[in-house]
Amino acid sequence: MNRDQRSTADWMARQERSNRSILRLMVWISLHLGRRVGRLVLYGIALYFTLFSPDARRAGRNYLRRALGREPTWNDGYRHVLSFASTIHDRVYLLNDRFDLFDITIEGADAVHAALAEPGGALLIGGHLGSFEVMRAIGRGLAGLKVAMLMYEENARKLNATLEAINPAARQDIIGLGRLDSMLIVQEKLSQGYLVGILADRGLNNEATVPLPFLGEPAPFPSGPFRLAAMLRRPVLFMTGLYLGGNRYRVHFEPLVDFSTIGPGGRQQAMREAQARYVALLEHHCRQAPYNWFNFFDFWHPEK
């Protein structure tokens, strides 16, 4: 394993440990104390992680400096961590269909319905920006859509275990990427009219990346999700579920590319253009809702 691979594995391991630690605590608080009390406890949890996670704090400041266009204050860093903890806390209620607790608005619903007008489903490509769970909640309970998530097998296994503890019915919505039958399951879901989501701002170890301008400097984005989308030949939409504070979320969809209409000769160019547009939309929403970006590592220079 080379230096870049070791660095990527290290930050993924750190991020996974942090996610699991916060998630376990949030589940207990949510199930035993309720959302109102849990929200009060979140402030202390966010303070703890802001004070005692120096690597994440340093990476967060680097990101916020770019997204805010100024030197971030300590309070900016705290709000960043609090937003992350809030989305994890809310996940428990969303998975248990407690949509009544939230004020959720949707932008771009027409684009989703247009993508699903023809049989065969569609793909959603997002990032670690806001809450994917609120987007899945829209599908399950508010819009009558069927939504599944495609993710790397190890992450899928860990998340499935957590989801099963919260709500066993949610487990079936996660598809592990890298299994022998992964593509068969994805194709089956698409044939059933599902929206299948994948996050495209992180890769694994030696996965090929493309440097694209992001918040003022080129950053490495994995090309795999767009190769997969081209192979499946389905419409692709950008997605994000932004946390706006309190109980408010805004879900946003926007068309990226329709691979069902592009022949083999045009797919490479379409992939490049779709990925560039994806990164531009990611940057736009980072500037609009800067405390929603949950990649707490040096995204621009992961080898350092």
Protein backbone atom coordinates (compact mmCIF):
# COMPACT_ATOMS: atom_id res chain seq x y z
CA MET A 1 0.00 0.00 0.00
CA ASN A 2 1.50 3.35 -1.04
CA ARG A 3 1.47 6.58 0.92
CA ASP A 4 -1.73 7.89 -0.67
CA GLN A 5 -3.53 4.63 0.04
CA ARG A 6 -2.38 4.59 3.68
CA SER A 7 -3.51 8.19 4.14
CA THR A 8 -6.92 7.51 2.64
CA ALA A 9 -7.38 4.42 4.78
CA ASP A 10 -6.36 6.38 7.89
CA TRP A 11 -8.85 9.19 7.42
CA MET A 12 -11.62 6.77 6.54
CA ALA A 13 -10.93 4.82 9.73
CA ARG A 14 -10.90 8.00 11.84
CA GLN A 15 -14.12 9.23 10.28
CA GLU A 16 -15.83 5.87 10.75
CA ARG A 17 -14.84 5.71 14.44
CA SER A 18 -16.19 9.23 14.97
CA ASN A 19 -19.43 8.45 13.18
CA ARG A 20 -20.02 5.27 15.17
CA SER A 21 -19.23 6.93 18.50
CA ILE A 22 -21.63 9.82 17.92
CA LEU A 23 -24.26 7.55 16.42
CA ARG A 24 -24.31 5.13 19.37
CA LEU A 25 -24.74 8.00 21.81
CA MET A 26 -27.38 9.68 19.67
CA VAL A 27 -29.42 6.49 19.39
CA TRP A 28 -29.49 6.08 23.16
CA ILE A 29 -30.43 9.71 23.75
CA SER A 30 -33.10 9.67 21.06
CA LEU A 31 -34.80 6.50 22.21
CA HIS A 32 -34.66 7.22 25.94
CA LEU A 33 -34.94 10.99 26.27
CA GLY A 34 -36.78 12.19 23.17
CA ARG A 35 -35.81 14.80 20.59
CA ARG A 36 -36.29 17.93 22.71
CA VAL A 37 -34.04 16.69 25.52
CA GLY A 38 -31.69 15.12 23.01
CA ARG A 39 -31.27 18.48 21.29
CA LEU A 40 -30.08 19.98 24.59
CA VAL A 41 -27.54 17.20 25.07
CA LEU A 42 -26.25 17.75 21.52
CA TYR A 43 -24.73 21.07 22.49
CA GLY A 44 -22.45 19.36 25.01
CA ILE A 45 -21.55 16.57 22.58
CA ALA A 46 -20.68 19.09 19.87
CA LEU A 47 -18.55 21.05 22.36
CA TYR A 48 -16.66 17.89 23.35
CA PHE A 49 -15.81 16.95 19.77
CA THR A 50 -14.90 20.53 18.88
CA LEU A 51 -12.44 20.68 21.79
CA PHE A 52 -10.94 17.20 21.64
CA SER A 53 -10.76 16.32 17.91
CA PRO A 54 -7.83 18.50 16.78
CA ASP A 55 -7.35 16.87 13.36
CA ALA A 56 -11.03 17.22 12.50
CA ARG A 57 -11.08 20.77 13.88
CA ARG A 58 -8.08 21.75 11.74
CA ALA A 59 -9.59 20.20 8.59
CA GLY A 60 -12.94 21.82 9.34
CA ARG A 61 -11.34 25.25 9.62
CA ASN A 62 -9.58 24.74 6.29
CA TYR A 63 -12.89 23.90 4.63
CA LEU A 64 -14.83 26.70 6.35
CA ARG A 65 -12.20 29.24 5.33
CA ARG A 66 -12.90 28.33 1.70
CA ALA A 67 -16.69 28.06 2.00
CA LEU A 68 -17.21 31.22 4.07
CA GLY A 69 -14.63 33.31 2.22
CA ARG A 70 -13.17 34.54 5.51
CA GLU A 71 -11.22 33.31 8.50
CA PRO A 72 -13.61 31.08 10.50
CA THR A 73 -14.20 31.80 14.16
CA TRP A 74 -14.33 29.23 16.94
CA ASN A 75 -18.12 29.52 16.83
CA ASP A 76 -18.09 28.61 13.13
CA GLY A 77 -16.25 25.40 13.95
CA TYR A 78 -18.68 24.61 16.72
CA ARG A 79 -21.70 25.18 14.47
CA HIS A 80 -20.12 22.89 11.91
CA VAL A 81 -19.82 20.01 14.40
CA LEU A 82 -23.27 20.75 15.86
CA SER A 83 -24.84 20.47 12.40
CA PHE A 84 -23.16 17.09 11.92
CA ALA A 85 -24.37 15.82 15.30
CA SER A 86 -27.88 17.14 14.61
CA THR A 87 -28.25 15.20 11.37
CA ILE A 88 -27.12 12.00 13.12
CA HIS A 89 -29.55 12.59 15.98
CA ASP A 90 -32.43 13.20 13.56
CA ARG A 91 -31.61 10.02 11.64
CA VAL A 92 -33.14 7.93 14.43
CA TYR A 93 -36.52 9.66 14.11
CA LEU A 94 -36.50 9.67 10.32
CA LEU A 95 -35.80 5.94 10.28
CA ASN A 96 -38.80 5.43 12.55
CA ASP A 97 -41.06 7.44 10.21
CA ARG A 98 -41.49 10.37 12.63
CA PHE A 99 -41.78 12.85 9.76
CA ASP A 100 -44.22 14.92 11.86
CA LEU A 101 -41.24 16.20 13.84
CA PHE A 102 -39.68 17.93 10.85
CA ASP A 103 -40.30 20.79 8.45
CA ILE A 104 -38.99 19.46 5.12
CA THR A 105 -39.17 21.37 1.84
CA ILE A 106 -38.38 19.93 -1.58
CA GLU A 107 -36.81 21.71 -4.55
CA GLY A 108 -36.64 20.02 -7.95
CA ALA A 109 -39.37 17.42 -7.46
CA ASP A 110 -40.39 17.86 -11.10
CA ALA A 111 -36.93 16.70 -12.18
CA VAL A 112 -37.39 13.47 -10.20
CA HIS A 113 -40.80 12.77 -11.71
CA ALA A 114 -39.45 13.49 -15.19
CA ALA A 115 -36.57 11.04 -14.64
CA LEU A 116 -39.04 8.38 -13.53
CA ALA A 117 -41.50 9.01 -16.35
CA GLU A 118 -40.00 6.12 -18.31
CA PRO A 119 -39.59 2.63 -16.78
CA GLY A 120 -36.18 1.77 -15.36
CA GLY A 121 -35.65 3.99 -12.33
CA ALA A 122 -32.98 6.66 -11.93
CA LEU A 123 -29.72 7.33 -10.11
CA LEU A 124 -29.12 9.99 -7.46
CA ILE A 125 -25.56 11.24 -6.94
CA GLY A 126 -24.79 13.21 -3.80
CA GLY A 127 -22.00 13.83 -1.32
CA HIS A 128 -21.32 14.04 2.40
CA LEU A 129 -23.30 17.26 2.42
CA GLY A 130 -26.29 17.44 4.72
CA SER A 131 -28.42 14.37 5.43
CA PHE A 132 -29.01 11.56 2.97
CA GLU A 133 -31.44 10.09 5.48
CA VAL A 134 -33.86 12.98 5.09
CA MET A 135 -33.83 12.40 1.34
CA ARG A 136 -34.66 8.73 1.86
CA ALA A 137 -37.40 9.79 4.27
CA ILE A 138 -38.95 11.87 1.51
CA GLY A 139 -39.10 8.77 -0.64
CA ARG A 140 -40.40 6.38 2.00
CA GLY A 141 -43.02 8.52 3.65
CA LEU A 142 -43.73 11.80 1.93
CA ALA A 143 -43.61 11.32 -1.82
CA GLY A 144 -44.34 7.66 -2.42
CA LEU A 145 -40.92 7.06 -3.99
CA LYS A 146 -38.75 3.99 -3.52
CA VAL A 147 -35.16 4.88 -2.58
CA ALA A 148 -32.12 2.64 -2.04
CA MET A 149 -28.52 3.53 -1.21
CA LEU A 150 -25.44 2.02 -2.85
CA MET A 151 -22.27 2.18 -0.74
CA TYR A 152 -18.98 0.36 -0.18
CA GLU A 153 -19.50 -3.07 1.34
CA GLU A 154 -17.76 -2.48 4.68
CA ASN A 155 -19.61 0.79 5.24
CA ALA A 156 -22.85 -0.88 4.16
CA ARG A 157 -22.33 -3.72 6.65
CA LYS A 158 -21.75 -1.33 9.55
CA LEU A 159 -24.61 0.95 8.60
CA ASN A 160 -26.98 -1.99 8.12
CA ALA A 161 -26.20 -3.18 11.64
CA THR A 162 -27.01 0.27 13.00
CA LEU A 163 -30.16 0.65 10.92
CA GLU A 164 -31.41 -2.75 11.98
CA ALA A 165 -31.08 -1.73 15.64
CA ILE A 166 -33.09 1.44 15.00
CA ASN A 167 -35.64 0.13 12.48
CA PRO A 168 -35.24 -3.31 10.84
CA ALA A 169 -37.35 -2.21 7.87
CA ALA A 170 -34.67 0.29 6.82
CA ARG A 171 -31.99 -2.38 6.27
CA GLN A 172 -33.30 -3.41 2.87
CA ASP A 173 -32.59 0.05 1.48
CA ILE A 174 -28.79 -0.41 1.63
CA ILE A 175 -26.89 -2.17 -1.20
CA GLY A 176 -23.28 -3.16 -0.61
CA LEU A 177 -20.95 -2.15 -3.47
CA GLY A 178 -18.25 -4.70 -4.30
CA ARG A 179 -20.23 -7.93 -3.82
CA LEU A 180 -20.61 -10.33 -6.73
CA ASP A 181 -24.33 -9.64 -6.90
CA SER A 182 -24.19 -5.87 -6.31
CA MET A 183 -24.91 -4.86 -9.89
CA LEU A 184 -27.66 -7.43 -10.20
CA ILE A 185 -29.36 -5.98 -7.12
CA VAL A 186 -28.96 -2.42 -8.44
CA GLN A 187 -30.41 -3.38 -11.81
CA GLU A 188 -33.29 -5.17 -10.10
CA LYS A 189 -34.04 -2.09 -7.97
CA LEU A 190 -33.92 0.16 -11.02
CA SER A 191 -36.25 -2.15 -12.94
CA GLN A 192 -38.70 -1.80 -10.02
CA GLY A 193 -38.67 1.99 -10.40
CA TYR A 194 -36.29 2.78 -7.53
CA LEU A 195 -34.14 5.83 -7.10
CA VAL A 196 -30.68 4.43 -6.31
CA GLY A 197 -28.34 6.86 -4.56
CA ILE A 198 -24.55 6.93 -4.36
CA LEU A 199 -22.17 9.47 -2.79
CA ALA A 200 -19.46 10.69 -5.15
CA ASP A 201 -17.11 12.80 -3.05
CA ARG A 202 -15.03 10.00 -1.51
CA GLY A 203 -13.21 7.07 -3.03
CA LEU A 204 -11.48 4.00 -1.68
CA ASN A 205 -7.69 3.50 -1.49
CA ASN A 206 -6.55 3.12 -5.11
CA GLU A 207 -9.77 4.24 -6.81
CA ALA A 208 -9.18 6.50 -9.80
CA THR A 209 -9.87 10.18 -9.18
CA VAL A 210 -10.22 13.29 -11.30
CA PRO A 211 -8.86 16.66 -10.06
CA LEU A 212 -11.62 19.25 -10.35
CA PRO A 213 -11.80 22.84 -9.08
CA PHE A 214 -13.63 22.96 -5.77
CA LEU A 215 -13.79 25.97 -3.44
CA GLY A 216 -10.74 27.60 -4.95
CA GLU A 217 -8.41 24.65 -5.53
CA PRO A 218 -8.48 21.34 -7.45
CA ALA A 219 -9.54 18.38 -5.31
CA PRO A 220 -9.58 14.65 -6.15
CA PHE A 221 -13.05 13.30 -6.91
CA PRO A 222 -13.62 9.59 -7.64
CA SER A 223 -14.71 8.85 -11.20
CA GLY A 224 -16.23 5.45 -10.33
CA PRO A 225 -19.80 6.67 -9.60
CA PHE A 226 -20.03 8.28 -13.02
CA ARG A 227 -18.60 5.24 -14.80
CA LEU A 228 -21.24 3.18 -12.98
CA ALA A 229 -24.00 5.58 -14.03
CA ALA A 230 -22.87 5.43 -17.66
CA MET A 231 -22.79 1.62 -17.54
CA LEU A 232 -26.34 1.48 -16.12
CA ARG A 233 -27.57 3.94 -18.76
CA ARG A 234 -30.10 5.68 -16.56
CA PRO A 235 -31.02 9.33 -15.86
CA VAL A 236 -28.82 10.84 -13.14
CA LEU A 237 -29.77 13.61 -10.71
CA PHE A 238 -27.79 15.58 -8.15
CA MET A 239 -29.22 15.29 -4.65
CA THR A 240 -28.69 16.85 -1.26
CA GLY A 241 -30.70 17.18 1.97
CA LEU A 242 -29.48 20.32 3.71
CA TYR A 243 -29.93 20.86 7.44
CA LEU A 244 -31.17 24.41 8.10
CA GLY A 245 -31.23 24.34 11.90
CA GLY A 246 -33.88 23.34 14.41
CA ASN A 247 -36.17 20.84 12.70
CA ARG A 248 -35.82 22.29 9.19
CA TYR A 249 -34.41 20.55 6.12
CA ARG A 250 -34.35 21.40 2.42
CA VAL A 251 -34.07 18.56 -0.10
CA HIS A 252 -32.74 19.57 -3.51
CA PHE A 253 -32.71 17.62 -6.81
CA GLU A 254 -31.24 18.73 -10.11
CA PRO A 255 -30.66 16.84 -13.39
CA LEU A 256 -27.04 16.00 -14.23
CA VAL A 257 -27.21 13.76 -17.30
CA ASP A 258 -29.47 11.17 -18.93
CA PHE A 259 -27.28 8.26 -20.01
CA SER A 260 -30.29 6.45 -21.45
CA THR A 261 -30.19 8.85 -24.41
CA ILE A 262 -26.40 8.83 -25.01
CA GLY A 263 -24.72 6.35 -27.32
CA PRO A 264 -21.38 4.61 -26.59
CA GLY A 265 -19.39 7.20 -28.52
CA GLY A 266 -20.57 10.08 -26.36
CA ARG A 267 -20.41 8.55 -22.91
CA GLN A 268 -16.87 9.57 -21.95
CA GLN A 269 -17.56 13.21 -22.72
CA ALA A 270 -20.93 13.02 -20.95
CA MET A 271 -19.25 11.51 -17.87
CA ARG A 272 -16.70 14.33 -17.72
CA GLU A 273 -19.33 17.02 -18.12
CA ALA A 274 -21.66 15.42 -15.56
CA GLN A 275 -18.89 15.11 -12.96
CA ALA A 276 -17.81 18.71 -13.49
CA ARG A 277 -21.41 19.86 -13.06
CA TYR A 278 -21.76 17.69 -9.96
CA VAL A 279 -18.72 19.34 -8.35
CA ALA A 280 -19.97 22.80 -9.30
CA LEU A 281 -23.34 22.07 -7.62
CA LEU A 282 -21.56 20.67 -4.57
CA GLU A 283 -19.56 23.89 -4.30
CA HIS A 284 -22.68 26.02 -4.73
CA HIS A 285 -24.48 24.28 -1.87
CA CYS A 286 -21.39 24.37 0.34
CA ARG A 287 -21.37 28.14 -0.02
CA GLN A 288 -25.13 28.38 0.53
CA ALA A 289 -25.14 26.09 3.60
CA PRO A 290 -21.47 25.92 4.71
CA TYR A 291 -22.03 24.06 7.99
CA ASN A 292 -23.43 21.03 6.12
CA TRP A 293 -20.16 19.66 4.71
CA PHE A 294 -19.21 16.57 6.73
CA ASN A 295 -15.79 15.55 5.38
CA PHE A 296 -13.59 16.21 8.43
CA PHE A 297 -10.22 15.59 6.78
CA ASP A 298 -7.95 17.46 4.36
CA PHE A 299 -10.12 16.97 1.31
CA TRP A 300 -7.76 18.81 -1.04
CA HIS A 301 -4.52 17.11 0.04
CA PRO A 302 -5.44 13.68 1.50
CA GLU A 303 -1.89 12.41 1.04
CA LYS A 304 -0.52 14.81 3.65
